Amino acid sequence: MRDFFKQPFTADELRDLFRTLKISPRVALSTKSPSFRALNVAPEKLSDARIIALMVQEPRLIKRPLIVVDGKLVIGFDRNKIDEVLK
């Protein structure tokens, strides 16, 4: 378990995570958060590199929780999905 407010991700860690899981960082971008809305930018206009840079700068832009078990990702609290990856 990692509290990424106390132990922030580096850009390399995030790039490696998304590359390993074969997903875009856009999937984990919390576009509904006040921190994202304060940016006043359309999410589709952001490159993956820019999204990662923003996530490093402001961890609140990462959807929580971010759970990876055996290469399977669950983003956000979905009890059924969490239970499924923990089986």
N, C-alpha and C. Protein backbone atom coordinates (compact mmCIF):
# COMPACT_ATOMS: atom_id res chain seq x y z
N MET A 1 0.85 -1.17 0.00
CA MET A 1 0.00 0.00 0.00
C MET A 1 0.90 1.24 0.00
N ARG A 2 0.49 2.23 -0.75
CA ARG A 2 1.28 3.45 -0.85
C ARG A 2 0.35 4.66 -0.79
N ASP A 3 0.65 5.56 0.11
CA ASP A 3 -0.06 6.83 0.18
C ASP A 3 0.72 7.79 -0.71
N PHE A 4 0.22 8.04 -1.92
CA PHE A 4 1.01 8.85 -2.84
C PHE A 4 0.96 10.34 -2.56
N PHE A 5 0.35 10.71 -1.46
CA PHE A 5 0.49 12.10 -0.99
C PHE A 5 1.74 12.20 -0.11
N LYS A 6 2.02 11.12 0.61
CA LYS A 6 3.21 11.10 1.46
C LYS A 6 4.43 10.61 0.70
N GLN A 7 4.21 9.72 -0.25
CA GLN A 7 5.27 9.17 -1.10
C GLN A 7 4.87 9.39 -2.56
N PRO A 8 5.05 10.60 -3.05
CA PRO A 8 4.59 10.91 -4.41
C PRO A 8 5.28 10.05 -5.47
N PHE A 9 4.54 9.78 -6.53
CA PHE A 9 5.11 9.08 -7.67
C PHE A 9 6.07 9.98 -8.41
N THR A 10 7.07 9.37 -9.03
CA THR A 10 7.91 10.11 -9.96
C THR A 10 7.31 9.93 -11.35
N ALA A 11 7.73 10.77 -12.27
CA ALA A 11 7.25 10.64 -13.65
C ALA A 11 7.64 9.27 -14.21
N ASP A 12 8.84 8.81 -13.91
CA ASP A 12 9.29 7.50 -14.40
C ASP A 12 8.41 6.38 -13.86
N GLU A 13 8.06 6.44 -12.58
CA GLU A 13 7.20 5.41 -12.00
C GLU A 13 5.84 5.37 -12.69
N LEU A 14 5.26 6.53 -12.91
CA LEU A 14 3.96 6.57 -13.57
C LEU A 14 4.04 6.08 -15.01
N ARG A 15 5.07 6.52 -15.74
CA ARG A 15 5.25 6.06 -17.12
C ARG A 15 5.38 4.54 -17.16
N ASP A 16 6.21 3.99 -16.25
CA ASP A 16 6.40 2.54 -16.20
C ASP A 16 5.10 1.82 -15.85
N LEU A 17 4.36 2.35 -14.89
CA LEU A 17 3.10 1.74 -14.49
C LEU A 17 2.13 1.67 -15.66
N PHE A 18 1.93 2.80 -16.32
CA PHE A 18 0.97 2.84 -17.43
C PHE A 18 1.45 2.00 -18.61
N ARG A 19 2.74 2.00 -18.86
CA ARG A 19 3.29 1.20 -19.96
C ARG A 19 3.12 -0.29 -19.65
N THR A 20 3.43 -0.69 -18.42
CA THR A 20 3.30 -2.09 -18.02
C THR A 20 1.86 -2.56 -18.12
N LEU A 21 0.93 -1.72 -17.70
CA LEU A 21 -0.49 -2.07 -17.73
C LEU A 21 -1.12 -1.86 -19.11
N LYS A 22 -0.34 -1.26 -20.02
CA LYS A 22 -0.78 -0.99 -21.38
C LYS A 22 -2.04 -0.14 -21.42
N ILE A 23 -2.01 0.93 -20.63
CA ILE A 23 -3.12 1.88 -20.61
C ILE A 23 -2.56 3.30 -20.72
N SER A 24 -3.41 4.19 -21.12
CA SER A 24 -3.05 5.60 -21.16
C SER A 24 -3.21 6.19 -19.76
N PRO A 25 -2.36 7.13 -19.38
CA PRO A 25 -2.54 7.80 -18.09
C PRO A 25 -3.88 8.52 -18.00
N ARG A 26 -4.47 8.79 -19.14
CA ARG A 26 -5.78 9.47 -19.21
C ARG A 26 -6.83 8.68 -18.42
N VAL A 27 -6.69 7.34 -18.38
CA VAL A 27 -7.63 6.47 -17.68
C VAL A 27 -7.63 6.77 -16.18
N ALA A 28 -6.48 7.15 -15.64
CA ALA A 28 -6.34 7.40 -14.20
C ALA A 28 -6.43 8.89 -13.84
N LEU A 29 -6.72 9.72 -14.82
CA LEU A 29 -6.82 11.17 -14.59
C LEU A 29 -8.17 11.52 -13.98
N SER A 30 -8.15 12.15 -12.84
CA SER A 30 -9.37 12.53 -12.13
C SER A 30 -9.89 13.87 -12.66
N THR A 31 -10.63 13.80 -13.75
CA THR A 31 -11.10 15.02 -14.41
C THR A 31 -12.23 15.72 -13.63
N LYS A 32 -12.82 15.02 -12.67
CA LYS A 32 -13.90 15.63 -11.88
C LYS A 32 -13.39 16.29 -10.61
N SER A 33 -12.10 16.17 -10.34
CA SER A 33 -11.56 16.75 -9.11
C SER A 33 -11.47 18.27 -9.23
N PRO A 34 -11.62 18.97 -8.10
CA PRO A 34 -11.46 20.42 -8.12
C PRO A 34 -10.08 20.84 -8.63
N SER A 35 -9.07 20.03 -8.34
CA SER A 35 -7.72 20.34 -8.81
C SER A 35 -7.64 20.34 -10.33
N PHE A 36 -8.34 19.40 -10.96
CA PHE A 36 -8.34 19.37 -12.42
C PHE A 36 -9.15 20.52 -12.99
N ARG A 37 -10.32 20.74 -12.42
CA ARG A 37 -11.17 21.84 -12.92
C ARG A 37 -10.46 23.19 -12.82
N ALA A 38 -9.62 23.35 -11.79
CA ALA A 38 -8.88 24.60 -11.62
C ALA A 38 -7.89 24.83 -12.76
N LEU A 39 -7.48 23.77 -13.44
CA LEU A 39 -6.56 23.91 -14.57
C LEU A 39 -7.23 24.57 -15.77
N ASN A 40 -8.57 24.42 -15.83
CA ASN A 40 -9.34 25.02 -16.91
C ASN A 40 -8.81 24.59 -18.29
N VAL A 41 -8.64 23.28 -18.44
CA VAL A 41 -8.16 22.74 -19.71
C VAL A 41 -9.00 21.51 -20.06
N ALA A 42 -9.24 21.32 -21.34
CA ALA A 42 -9.98 20.14 -21.80
C ALA A 42 -9.06 18.92 -21.74
N PRO A 43 -9.50 17.84 -21.10
CA PRO A 43 -8.63 16.67 -20.95
C PRO A 43 -8.14 16.11 -22.29
N GLU A 44 -8.97 16.18 -23.32
CA GLU A 44 -8.57 15.63 -24.62
C GLU A 44 -7.43 16.43 -25.27
N LYS A 45 -7.16 17.61 -24.77
CA LYS A 45 -6.08 18.43 -25.31
C LYS A 45 -4.74 18.13 -24.65
N LEU A 46 -4.75 17.28 -23.63
CA LEU A 46 -3.52 16.96 -22.90
C LEU A 46 -2.86 15.70 -23.46
N SER A 47 -1.57 15.79 -23.69
CA SER A 47 -0.82 14.60 -24.11
C SER A 47 -0.58 13.70 -22.90
N ASP A 48 -0.23 12.46 -23.15
CA ASP A 48 0.07 11.55 -22.05
C ASP A 48 1.22 12.09 -21.20
N ALA A 49 2.23 12.64 -21.85
CA ALA A 49 3.38 13.19 -21.12
C ALA A 49 2.94 14.35 -20.21
N ARG A 50 2.07 15.19 -20.71
CA ARG A 50 1.58 16.32 -19.90
C ARG A 50 0.73 15.83 -18.73
N ILE A 51 -0.09 14.81 -18.96
CA ILE A 51 -0.91 14.25 -17.89
C ILE A 51 -0.01 13.72 -16.78
N ILE A 52 1.02 12.99 -17.15
CA ILE A 52 1.94 12.45 -16.15
C ILE A 52 2.62 13.57 -15.39
N ALA A 53 3.07 14.60 -16.09
CA ALA A 53 3.71 15.74 -15.43
C ALA A 53 2.76 16.40 -14.43
N LEU A 54 1.50 16.54 -14.82
CA LEU A 54 0.51 17.14 -13.92
C LEU A 54 0.25 16.25 -12.71
N MET A 55 0.20 14.93 -12.91
CA MET A 55 -0.02 14.00 -11.81
C MET A 55 1.13 14.04 -10.80
N VAL A 56 2.34 14.21 -11.30
CA VAL A 56 3.50 14.32 -10.42
C VAL A 56 3.42 15.62 -9.62
N GLN A 57 3.05 16.68 -10.29
CA GLN A 57 2.94 18.00 -9.66
C GLN A 57 1.79 18.05 -8.65
N GLU A 58 0.67 17.41 -9.00
CA GLU A 58 -0.53 17.45 -8.16
C GLU A 58 -1.15 16.05 -8.06
N PRO A 59 -0.77 15.28 -7.03
CA PRO A 59 -1.27 13.90 -6.90
C PRO A 59 -2.80 13.79 -6.83
N ARG A 60 -3.48 14.86 -6.50
CA ARG A 60 -4.95 14.80 -6.47
C ARG A 60 -5.55 14.57 -7.85
N LEU A 61 -4.73 14.68 -8.88
CA LEU A 61 -5.21 14.44 -10.23
C LEU A 61 -5.25 12.95 -10.57
N ILE A 62 -4.75 12.10 -9.65
CA ILE A 62 -4.78 10.66 -9.85
C ILE A 62 -6.03 10.11 -9.15
N LYS A 63 -6.84 9.38 -9.90
CA LYS A 63 -8.03 8.77 -9.30
C LYS A 63 -7.59 7.83 -8.18
N ARG A 64 -8.39 7.79 -7.13
CA ARG A 64 -8.06 6.96 -5.97
C ARG A 64 -9.24 6.08 -5.62
N PRO A 65 -8.97 4.93 -5.04
CA PRO A 65 -7.66 4.31 -4.97
C PRO A 65 -7.22 3.79 -6.34
N LEU A 66 -5.95 3.57 -6.44
CA LEU A 66 -5.32 3.00 -7.62
C LEU A 66 -4.74 1.67 -7.16
N ILE A 67 -5.38 0.58 -7.55
CA ILE A 67 -5.01 -0.74 -7.04
C ILE A 67 -4.52 -1.61 -8.19
N VAL A 68 -3.33 -2.18 -8.02
CA VAL A 68 -2.78 -3.10 -9.01
C VAL A 68 -2.48 -4.41 -8.30
N VAL A 69 -3.09 -5.48 -8.80
CA VAL A 69 -2.87 -6.82 -8.26
C VAL A 69 -2.61 -7.76 -9.43
N ASP A 70 -1.43 -8.36 -9.46
CA ASP A 70 -1.07 -9.31 -10.53
C ASP A 70 -1.33 -8.74 -11.91
N GLY A 71 -0.96 -7.48 -12.10
CA GLY A 71 -1.10 -6.85 -13.41
C GLY A 71 -2.51 -6.40 -13.76
N LYS A 72 -3.43 -6.55 -12.82
CA LYS A 72 -4.81 -6.09 -13.04
C LYS A 72 -5.02 -4.79 -12.28
N LEU A 73 -5.65 -3.84 -12.93
CA LEU A 73 -5.83 -2.51 -12.37
C LEU A 73 -7.28 -2.25 -12.01
N VAL A 74 -7.47 -1.67 -10.83
CA VAL A 74 -8.78 -1.15 -10.43
C VAL A 74 -8.55 0.31 -10.07
N ILE A 75 -9.31 1.17 -10.71
CA ILE A 75 -9.21 2.61 -10.44
C ILE A 75 -10.52 3.06 -9.82
N GLY A 76 -10.42 3.72 -8.68
CA GLY A 76 -11.62 4.17 -7.99
C GLY A 76 -12.16 3.05 -7.12
N PHE A 77 -13.04 3.40 -6.22
CA PHE A 77 -13.56 2.39 -5.29
C PHE A 77 -14.76 1.69 -5.91
N ASP A 78 -14.50 0.47 -6.34
CA ASP A 78 -15.55 -0.40 -6.87
C ASP A 78 -15.35 -1.74 -6.17
N ARG A 79 -16.13 -1.98 -5.14
CA ARG A 79 -15.96 -3.16 -4.28
C ARG A 79 -15.96 -4.46 -5.08
N ASN A 80 -16.85 -4.56 -6.07
CA ASN A 80 -16.92 -5.79 -6.86
C ASN A 80 -15.64 -6.02 -7.65
N LYS A 81 -15.11 -4.99 -8.28
CA LYS A 81 -13.87 -5.13 -9.04
C LYS A 81 -12.69 -5.43 -8.12
N ILE A 82 -12.66 -4.79 -6.97
CA ILE A 82 -11.59 -5.04 -6.00
C ILE A 82 -11.63 -6.50 -5.56
N ASP A 83 -12.81 -6.98 -5.20
CA ASP A 83 -12.96 -8.37 -4.79
C ASP A 83 -12.53 -9.32 -5.91
N GLU A 84 -12.87 -8.97 -7.14
CA GLU A 84 -12.54 -9.81 -8.28
C GLU A 84 -11.03 -9.95 -8.47
N VAL A 85 -10.28 -8.85 -8.37
CA VAL A 85 -8.83 -8.95 -8.58
C VAL A 85 -8.12 -9.59 -7.38
N LEU A 86 -8.76 -9.58 -6.23
CA LEU A 86 -8.14 -10.17 -5.04
C LEU A 86 -8.39 -11.68 -4.94
N LYS A 87 -9.25 -12.23 -5.78
CA LYS A 87 -9.55 -13.68 -5.75
C LYS A 87 -8.38 -14.49 -6.22
